[in-house]
Each structure stands twice: as structure tokens, then as C-alpha cells.
Amino acid sequence: MNMFQKKIHRPFIVASKPIINIDDLYSALSIDDVDFIELRVDYMDKPLEINYELLKNRKVIVTLREFSEGGAKPHNPDTKIKLIKTLRNLGILYDVEISFIEKFGIEYDNAIVSIHYIGIQPNINEVLEKIIRYKDKAFIVKIVVEPFPRYKTFLMQILESGNNIAAFPMSVDPLERIAFALLGSKLIYGYIDKPTAKGQIHYKQLKELIDLLLNRAVQSHIIF
């Protein structure tokens, strides 16, 4: 089955926001028209100063992205380990890199586990092996790449590897990111104030485009 024969699926729409201070947090939590709000706490100097109890029972994703995988600032691993322990105790969804899991033995059941290939052409077999290892316990396995030769074919193979996979490119036209979301990627990200990754558009525009495409797909009987 090629990408044009696949049925179209509705992805989770995520509105992402850099969190620098408590005002940013309250601003993000005021949004209620997306599936998830991503709180990028790697933009903070001291992300442990947040009262994470405020996030209980909210549809949020807390991300302290590794600097090597596109994070805003480097952070001590102990900070991230303490943060994840806090989030797990509170039942709050978080995104953690597979490299961090494997280095520090982090628990990841019901979390988003991710790999961001920046300036690297990944080996498809190695990536599929990672997905097989993590997909049964993780909420979503997320694979993000910068363009390389035949990266679209690579991402389609990734999407075929499970039902809880997010796979999309960075640094491309936003419509291309939307295409991968509709073809099976479980997540698509838009920004609230400013992009947290190359290729993002505002989440409201993202919602409008996806709704438009899904409505047309329904009319054409290619969605279920």
C-alpha cells in the first residue's frame, strides 16, 4: 500500500509553547481547543521551580528536550530525572528521548518516547528495532527527522510499524507535516506564540487546515 492508498486518520493536535516563567504556564493552560498542550520547560533555567500539581488532570505534555535533540538549553540530567519522577507521581504525560531512557534507566510506560535525528540519516532497521522495543509500553513512539535522500519513504515505513507511532519531518513545508499526520502519524504540533521547531504553523491555522482536509476526505469516502 502506498501513501496515496492509505486511509486518512485524525491525529492528535498539540499546541506547543516555550515556558520561560509562570505567566507562560498560565497562558498555555488557558487554551482548551486542542487535544494536548505541550509545555516546553527546557526553555527555563530552573524547570523544577514549577508547581506541577497545577497540571494534574489536564491534557498537557511536559517536555524537557535534550539539547542534542533540539532543546533550547542544556540541563543537568539530574534535573530531568527528578522532573520525570515528579510527573510520574502526578500522572502527567511527558515526552522523553529514547537515548535518555537507555542512558539513565528511565521509566516510560504510558509516556511519549522520542528520537530526533538532526543532521543524521538514520538506519531504517535500527529505528524499527527501537520502535518494536518501546511501542508496547509507550503511549506514543515519536520519530522526527530532518530531510535526507528518500526520507519520505523512510517515514512511511515507520508509520506502518505500529498504531501508536508519530513520524514526521522537520524543516519542511507545513503542508508536508500535515500530510504525514493525516496518513497515520499520531501527533502533529503547532505553536501558540512562536514555533518550537522548524516547520510549525500556528495551532489554530493547523486545526483549520486539518478540519478542511478531513471534511473533504469524508465527502470523498476515504476516511473512517
C-alpha atoms as a PDB file:
ATOM      1  CA  MET A   1       0.000   0.000   0.000  1.00  0.00           C
ATOM      2  CA  ASN A   2       1.485   3.354  -0.977  1.00  0.00           C
ATOM      3  CA  MET A   3       0.889   6.683   0.736  1.00  0.00           C
ATOM      4  CA  PHE A   4      -1.878   7.624  -1.687  1.00  0.00           C
ATOM      5  CA  GLN A   5      -3.845   4.437  -0.962  1.00  0.00           C
ATOM      6  CA  LYS A   6      -3.829   4.823   2.807  1.00  0.00           C
ATOM      7  CA  LYS A   7      -6.961   5.937   4.582  1.00  0.00           C
ATOM      8  CA  ILE A   8      -6.780   9.303   6.260  1.00  0.00           C
ATOM      9  CA  HIS A   9      -6.727   9.439  10.051  1.00  0.00           C
ATOM     10  CA  ARG A  10      -7.252  12.246  12.528  1.00  0.00           C
ATOM     11  CA  PRO A  11      -4.080  12.992  14.513  1.00  0.00           C
ATOM     12  CA  PHE A  12      -3.832  14.452  17.993  1.00  0.00           C
ATOM     13  CA  ILE A  13      -3.240  18.184  17.585  1.00  0.00           C
ATOM     14  CA  VAL A  14      -0.662  19.575  20.009  1.00  0.00           C
ATOM     15  CA  ALA A  15      -0.213  23.292  20.740  1.00  0.00           C
ATOM     16  CA  SER A  16       3.371  23.849  21.852  1.00  0.00           C
ATOM     17  CA  LYS A  17       4.653  26.729  23.956  1.00  0.00           C
ATOM     18  CA  PRO A  18       8.071  27.660  25.349  1.00  0.00           C
ATOM     19  CA  ILE A  19       7.757  28.030  29.122  1.00  0.00           C
ATOM     20  CA  ILE A  20      10.131  30.650  30.500  1.00  0.00           C
ATOM     21  CA  ASN A  21       8.153  31.819  33.549  1.00  0.00           C
ATOM     22  CA  ILE A  22       4.920  31.179  35.426  1.00  0.00           C
ATOM     23  CA  ASP A  23       2.991  33.621  33.242  1.00  0.00           C
ATOM     24  CA  ASP A  24       3.803  31.463  30.224  1.00  0.00           C
ATOM     25  CA  LEU A  25       2.427  28.460  32.076  1.00  0.00           C
ATOM     26  CA  TYR A  26      -0.885  30.129  32.930  1.00  0.00           C
ATOM     27  CA  SER A  27      -1.176  31.433  29.377  1.00  0.00           C
ATOM     28  CA  ALA A  28      -0.713  27.941  27.958  1.00  0.00           C
ATOM     29  CA  LEU A  29      -3.208  26.390  30.374  1.00  0.00           C
ATOM     30  CA  SER A  30      -5.892  28.840  29.241  1.00  0.00           C
ATOM     31  CA  ILE A  31      -6.055  27.073  25.866  1.00  0.00           C
ATOM     32  CA  ASP A  32      -8.811  24.496  25.614  1.00  0.00           C
ATOM     33  CA  ASP A  33      -9.333  23.888  21.899  1.00  0.00           C
ATOM     34  CA  VAL A  34      -6.616  21.304  21.174  1.00  0.00           C
ATOM     35  CA  ASP A  35      -6.004  17.697  22.140  1.00  0.00           C
ATOM     36  CA  PHE A  36      -2.825  18.469  24.094  1.00  0.00           C
ATOM     37  CA  ILE A  37      -0.762  21.467  25.168  1.00  0.00           C
ATOM     38  CA  GLU A  38       2.978  20.869  25.110  1.00  0.00           C
ATOM     39  CA  LEU A  39       4.884  22.738  27.800  1.00  0.00           C
ATOM     40  CA  ARG A  40       8.498  23.079  26.671  1.00  0.00           C
ATOM     41  CA  VAL A  41      10.184  23.564  30.020  1.00  0.00           C
ATOM     42  CA  ASP A  42      13.680  23.203  28.528  1.00  0.00           C
ATOM     43  CA  TYR A  43      13.409  26.956  27.840  1.00  0.00           C
ATOM     44  CA  MET A  44      13.534  27.584  31.598  1.00  0.00           C
ATOM     45  CA  ASP A  45      16.681  27.999  33.653  1.00  0.00           C
ATOM     46  CA  LYS A  46      15.127  26.111  36.580  1.00  0.00           C
ATOM     47  CA  PRO A  47      12.280  23.884  35.363  1.00  0.00           C
ATOM     48  CA  LEU A  48      11.866  22.244  38.771  1.00  0.00           C
ATOM     49  CA  GLU A  49      10.529  25.525  40.191  1.00  0.00           C
ATOM     50  CA  ILE A  50       7.149  24.938  38.537  1.00  0.00           C
ATOM     51  CA  ASN A  51       4.373  23.631  40.773  1.00  0.00           C
ATOM     52  CA  TYR A  52       3.478  20.651  38.598  1.00  0.00           C
ATOM     53  CA  GLU A  53       0.435  19.857  40.714  1.00  0.00           C
ATOM     54  CA  LEU A  54      -1.239  22.619  38.706  1.00  0.00           C
ATOM     55  CA  LEU A  55      -1.118  20.273  35.714  1.00  0.00           C
ATOM     56  CA  LYS A  56      -2.940  17.320  37.255  1.00  0.00           C
ATOM     57  CA  ASN A  57      -5.905  16.114  35.189  1.00  0.00           C
ATOM     58  CA  ARG A  58      -5.016  18.469  32.341  1.00  0.00           C
ATOM     59  CA  LYS A  59      -4.289  17.454  28.765  1.00  0.00           C
ATOM     60  CA  VAL A  60      -0.666  18.514  28.743  1.00  0.00           C
ATOM     61  CA  ILE A  61       2.641  17.083  27.568  1.00  0.00           C
ATOM     62  CA  VAL A  62       5.647  18.208  29.594  1.00  0.00           C
ATOM     63  CA  THR A  63       8.869  18.201  27.581  1.00  0.00           C
ATOM     64  CA  LEU A  64      12.375  18.954  28.756  1.00  0.00           C
ATOM     65  CA  ARG A  65      14.020  18.362  25.396  1.00  0.00           C
ATOM     66  CA  GLU A  66      17.654  17.268  25.302  1.00  0.00           C
ATOM     67  CA  PHE A  67      19.891  19.977  23.864  1.00  0.00           C
ATOM     68  CA  SER A  68      21.407  17.418  21.476  1.00  0.00           C
ATOM     69  CA  GLU A  69      17.949  16.697  20.043  1.00  0.00           C
ATOM     70  CA  GLY A  70      16.783  20.270  19.576  1.00  0.00           C
ATOM     71  CA  GLY A  71      16.324  21.544  23.129  1.00  0.00           C
ATOM     72  CA  ALA A  72      16.556  25.246  23.896  1.00  0.00           C
ATOM     73  CA  LYS A  73      19.073  24.962  26.754  1.00  0.00           C
ATOM     74  CA  PRO A  74      21.287  22.235  28.202  1.00  0.00           C
ATOM     75  CA  HIS A  75      20.172  20.882  31.578  1.00  0.00           C
ATOM     76  CA  ASN A  76      21.779  18.632  34.148  1.00  0.00           C
ATOM     77  CA  PRO A  77      20.491  15.045  33.764  1.00  0.00           C
ATOM     78  CA  ASP A  78      19.606  15.000  37.476  1.00  0.00           C
ATOM     79  CA  THR A  79      17.139  17.813  36.850  1.00  0.00           C
ATOM     80  CA  LYS A  80      15.375  15.813  34.176  1.00  0.00           C
ATOM     81  CA  ILE A  81      15.371  12.628  36.241  1.00  0.00           C
ATOM     82  CA  LYS A  82      13.753  14.487  39.172  1.00  0.00           C
ATOM     83  CA  LEU A  83      11.248  16.115  36.834  1.00  0.00           C
ATOM     84  CA  ILE A  84      10.163  12.820  35.302  1.00  0.00           C
ATOM     85  CA  LYS A  85       9.768  11.257  38.752  1.00  0.00           C
ATOM     86  CA  THR A  86       7.529  14.169  39.765  1.00  0.00           C
ATOM     87  CA  LEU A  87       5.458  13.886  36.603  1.00  0.00           C
ATOM     88  CA  ARG A  88       5.023  10.138  37.009  1.00  0.00           C
ATOM     89  CA  ASN A  89       3.876  10.545  40.618  1.00  0.00           C
ATOM     90  CA  LEU A  90       1.278  13.085  39.476  1.00  0.00           C
ATOM     91  CA  GLY A  91       0.137  11.078  36.452  1.00  0.00           C
ATOM     92  CA  ILE A  92       1.191  13.790  33.978  1.00  0.00           C
ATOM     93  CA  LEU A  93       2.131  12.889  30.404  1.00  0.00           C
ATOM     94  CA  TYR A  94       5.713  13.610  29.393  1.00  0.00           C
ATOM     95  CA  ASP A  95       7.938  13.266  26.323  1.00  0.00           C
ATOM     96  CA  VAL A  96      11.344  11.676  26.914  1.00  0.00           C
ATOM     97  CA  GLU A  97      14.065  10.748  24.454  1.00  0.00           C
ATOM     98  CA  ILE A  98      14.880   7.076  23.951  1.00  0.00           C
ATOM     99  CA  SER A  99      18.563   7.961  24.319  1.00  0.00           C
ATOM    100  CA  PHE A 100      17.823   9.347  27.802  1.00  0.00           C
ATOM    101  CA  ILE A 101      15.785   6.279  28.739  1.00  0.00           C
ATOM    102  CA  GLU A 102      18.604   3.964  27.736  1.00  0.00           C
ATOM    103  CA  LYS A 103      21.315   6.003  29.439  1.00  0.00           C
ATOM    104  CA  PHE A 104      19.564   6.512  32.779  1.00  0.00           C
ATOM    105  CA  GLY A 105      17.037   3.675  33.016  1.00  0.00           C
ATOM    106  CA  ILE A 106      14.021   5.995  32.937  1.00  0.00           C
ATOM    107  CA  GLU A 107      10.526   4.538  33.209  1.00  0.00           C
ATOM    108  CA  TYR A 108       8.473   5.243  30.111  1.00  0.00           C
ATOM    109  CA  ASP A 109       5.213   3.300  30.284  1.00  0.00           C
ATOM    110  CA  ASN A 110       2.362   5.495  29.004  1.00  0.00           C
ATOM    111  CA  ALA A 111       4.851   8.235  28.055  1.00  0.00           C
ATOM    112  CA  ILE A 112       5.781   9.665  24.675  1.00  0.00           C
ATOM    113  CA  VAL A 113       9.198   8.282  23.774  1.00  0.00           C
ATOM    114  CA  SER A 114      11.073  10.045  21.014  1.00  0.00           C
ATOM    115  CA  ILE A 115      14.091  10.266  18.756  1.00  0.00           C
ATOM    116  CA  HIS A 116      15.019  13.422  16.838  1.00  0.00           C
ATOM    117  CA  TYR A 117      17.502  12.875  14.034  1.00  0.00           C
ATOM    118  CA  ILE A 118      19.139  16.237  13.384  1.00  0.00           C
ATOM    119  CA  GLY A 119      21.756  16.274  10.648  1.00  0.00           C
ATOM    120  CA  ILE A 120      21.799  12.459  10.641  1.00  0.00           C
ATOM    121  CA  GLN A 121      20.478   9.906   8.168  1.00  0.00           C
ATOM    122  CA  PRO A 122      19.104   7.101  10.352  1.00  0.00           C
ATOM    123  CA  ASN A 123      19.231   3.415   9.531  1.00  0.00           C
ATOM    124  CA  ILE A 124      15.704   2.118   8.991  1.00  0.00           C
ATOM    125  CA  ASN A 125      16.382  -1.264  10.590  1.00  0.00           C
ATOM    126  CA  GLU A 126      17.855   0.308  13.716  1.00  0.00           C
ATOM    127  CA  VAL A 127      14.874   2.639  14.057  1.00  0.00           C
ATOM    128  CA  LEU A 128      12.360  -0.170  13.566  1.00  0.00           C
ATOM    129  CA  GLU A 129      14.167  -2.169  16.246  1.00  0.00           C
ATOM    130  CA  LYS A 130      13.760   0.762  18.647  1.00  0.00           C
ATOM    131  CA  ILE A 131      10.072   1.030  17.828  1.00  0.00           C
ATOM    132  CA  ILE A 132       9.493  -2.683  18.423  1.00  0.00           C
ATOM    133  CA  ARG A 133      11.296  -2.415  21.757  1.00  0.00           C
ATOM    134  CA  TYR A 134       9.264   0.526  23.061  1.00  0.00           C
ATOM    135  CA  LYS A 135       5.863   0.629  21.397  1.00  0.00           C
ATOM    136  CA  ASP A 136       4.067  -1.831  23.673  1.00  0.00           C
ATOM    137  CA  LYS A 137       4.620   0.189  26.862  1.00  0.00           C
ATOM    138  CA  ALA A 138       4.800   3.719  25.477  1.00  0.00           C
ATOM    139  CA  PHE A 139       1.767   5.885  24.812  1.00  0.00           C
ATOM    140  CA  ILE A 140       3.338   7.008  21.528  1.00  0.00           C
ATOM    141  CA  VAL A 141       6.708   6.415  19.874  1.00  0.00           C
ATOM    142  CA  LYS A 142       7.753   9.585  18.044  1.00  0.00           C
ATOM    143  CA  ILE A 143      10.369   9.685  15.283  1.00  0.00           C
ATOM    144  CA  VAL A 144      11.351  13.063  13.822  1.00  0.00           C
ATOM    145  CA  VAL A 145      13.891  13.592  11.041  1.00  0.00           C
ATOM    146  CA  GLU A 146      15.462  16.350   9.039  1.00  0.00           C
ATOM    147  CA  PRO A 147      15.192  15.707   5.279  1.00  0.00           C
ATOM    148  CA  PHE A 148      17.662  13.288   3.708  1.00  0.00           C
ATOM    149  CA  PRO A 149      17.510  11.238   0.468  1.00  0.00           C
ATOM    150  CA  ARG A 150      14.254   9.212   0.398  1.00  0.00           C
ATOM    151  CA  TYR A 151      13.174  10.427   3.843  1.00  0.00           C
ATOM    152  CA  LYS A 152       9.507  10.316   2.821  1.00  0.00           C
ATOM    153  CA  THR A 153       9.732   6.599   2.090  1.00  0.00           C
ATOM    154  CA  PHE A 154      11.570   6.152   5.386  1.00  0.00           C
ATOM    155  CA  LEU A 155       8.797   7.896   7.335  1.00  0.00           C
ATOM    156  CA  MET A 156       6.069   5.892   5.611  1.00  0.00           C
ATOM    157  CA  GLN A 157       7.834   2.683   6.643  1.00  0.00           C
ATOM    158  CA  ILE A 158       7.948   3.990  10.198  1.00  0.00           C
ATOM    159  CA  LEU A 159       4.220   4.762  10.177  1.00  0.00           C
ATOM    160  CA  GLU A 160       3.478   1.210   9.021  1.00  0.00           C
ATOM    161  CA  SER A 161       5.264  -0.242  12.061  1.00  0.00           C
ATOM    162  CA  GLY A 162       2.504   0.294  14.631  1.00  0.00           C
ATOM    163  CA  ASN A 163      -0.710   2.033  15.632  1.00  0.00           C
ATOM    164  CA  ASN A 164       0.855   4.361  18.191  1.00  0.00           C
ATOM    165  CA  ILE A 165       3.542   5.948  16.028  1.00  0.00           C
ATOM    166  CA  ALA A 166       4.203   9.622  15.338  1.00  0.00           C
ATOM    167  CA  ALA A 167       6.605  10.236  12.457  1.00  0.00           C
ATOM    168  CA  PHE A 168       7.166  13.469  10.574  1.00  0.00           C
ATOM    169  CA  PRO A 169       9.911  15.691   9.127  1.00  0.00           C
ATOM    170  CA  MET A 170      11.371  18.944  10.412  1.00  0.00           C
ATOM    171  CA  SER A 171      12.424  21.944   8.340  1.00  0.00           C
ATOM    172  CA  VAL A 172       9.869  21.328   5.583  1.00  0.00           C
ATOM    173  CA  ASP A 173       6.725  22.983   4.275  1.00  0.00           C
ATOM    174  CA  PRO A 174       3.974  22.781   6.944  1.00  0.00           C
ATOM    175  CA  LEU A 175       1.646  21.066   4.469  1.00  0.00           C
ATOM    176  CA  GLU A 176       4.070  18.171   4.270  1.00  0.00           C
ATOM    177  CA  ARG A 177       3.928  17.753   8.036  1.00  0.00           C
ATOM    178  CA  ILE A 178       0.144  17.786   7.825  1.00  0.00           C
ATOM    179  CA  ALA A 179       0.234  15.114   5.116  1.00  0.00           C
ATOM    180  CA  PHE A 180       2.152  12.727   7.357  1.00  0.00           C
ATOM    181  CA  ALA A 181      -0.253  13.409  10.211  1.00  0.00           C
ATOM    182  CA  LEU A 182      -3.245  12.532   8.060  1.00  0.00           C
ATOM    183  CA  LEU A 183      -1.505   9.409   6.783  1.00  0.00           C
ATOM    184  CA  GLY A 184      -1.115   7.940  10.248  1.00  0.00           C
ATOM    185  CA  SER A 185       1.193   9.993  12.467  1.00  0.00           C
ATOM    186  CA  LYS A 186      -0.496  10.167  15.868  1.00  0.00           C
ATOM    187  CA  LEU A 187       0.747  13.685  16.673  1.00  0.00           C
ATOM    188  CA  ILE A 188       1.102  16.983  14.876  1.00  0.00           C
ATOM    189  CA  TYR A 189       2.444  20.126  16.509  1.00  0.00           C
ATOM    190  CA  GLY A 190       1.514  23.763  16.073  1.00  0.00           C
ATOM    191  CA  TYR A 191       2.734  26.738  18.034  1.00  0.00           C
ATOM    192  CA  ILE A 192       0.921  29.112  20.392  1.00  0.00           C
ATOM    193  CA  ASP A 193       3.196  32.169  20.348  1.00  0.00           C
ATOM    194  CA  LYS A 194       6.284  31.170  18.399  1.00  0.00           C
ATOM    195  CA  PRO A 195       7.483  27.921  16.802  1.00  0.00           C
ATOM    196  CA  THR A 196       9.340  25.421  18.957  1.00  0.00           C
ATOM    197  CA  ALA A 197      10.520  23.538  15.843  1.00  0.00           C
ATOM    198  CA  LYS A 198      11.091  24.366  12.194  1.00  0.00           C
ATOM    199  CA  GLY A 199       8.033  23.811  10.027  1.00  0.00           C
ATOM    200  CA  GLN A 200       5.374  24.550  12.658  1.00  0.00           C
ATOM    201  CA  ILE A 201       2.425  26.831  11.970  1.00  0.00           C
ATOM    202  CA  HIS A 202       0.022  28.376  14.479  1.00  0.00           C
ATOM    203  CA  TYR A 203      -2.155  25.716  16.060  1.00  0.00           C
ATOM    204  CA  LYS A 204      -5.406  27.453  15.075  1.00  0.00           C
ATOM    205  CA  GLN A 205      -4.364  27.518  11.424  1.00  0.00           C
ATOM    206  CA  LEU A 206      -3.289  23.902  11.777  1.00  0.00           C
ATOM    207  CA  LYS A 207      -6.711  22.936  13.127  1.00  0.00           C
ATOM    208  CA  GLU A 208      -8.486  24.747  10.312  1.00  0.00           C
ATOM    209  CA  LEU A 209      -6.417  23.031   7.634  1.00  0.00           C
ATOM    210  CA  ILE A 210      -6.832  19.575   9.134  1.00  0.00           C
ATOM    211  CA  ASP A 211     -10.581  20.027   9.593  1.00  0.00           C
ATOM    212  CA  LEU A 212     -10.882  21.213   5.993  1.00  0.00           C
ATOM    213  CA  LEU A 213      -8.938  18.248   4.647  1.00  0.00           C
ATOM    214  CA  LEU A 214     -10.813  15.764   6.819  1.00  0.00           C
ATOM    215  CA  ASN A 215     -14.178  17.153   5.736  1.00  0.00           C
ATOM    216  CA  ARG A 216     -13.186  16.797   2.100  1.00  0.00           C
ATOM    217  CA  ALA A 217     -11.949  13.289   2.783  1.00  0.00           C
ATOM    218  CA  VAL A 218     -15.298  12.357   4.328  1.00  0.00           C
ATOM    219  CA  GLN A 219     -17.086  13.664   1.263  1.00  0.00           C
ATOM    220  CA  SER A 220     -14.786  11.543  -0.895  1.00  0.00           C
ATOM    221  CA  HIS A 221     -15.344   8.444   1.304  1.00  0.00           C
ATOM    222  CA  ILE A 222     -11.641   7.954   2.079  1.00  0.00           C
ATOM    223  CA  ILE A 223     -11.837   8.323   5.851  1.00  0.00           C
ATOM    224  CA  PHE A 224     -13.416   6.224   8.566  1.00  0.00           C
END
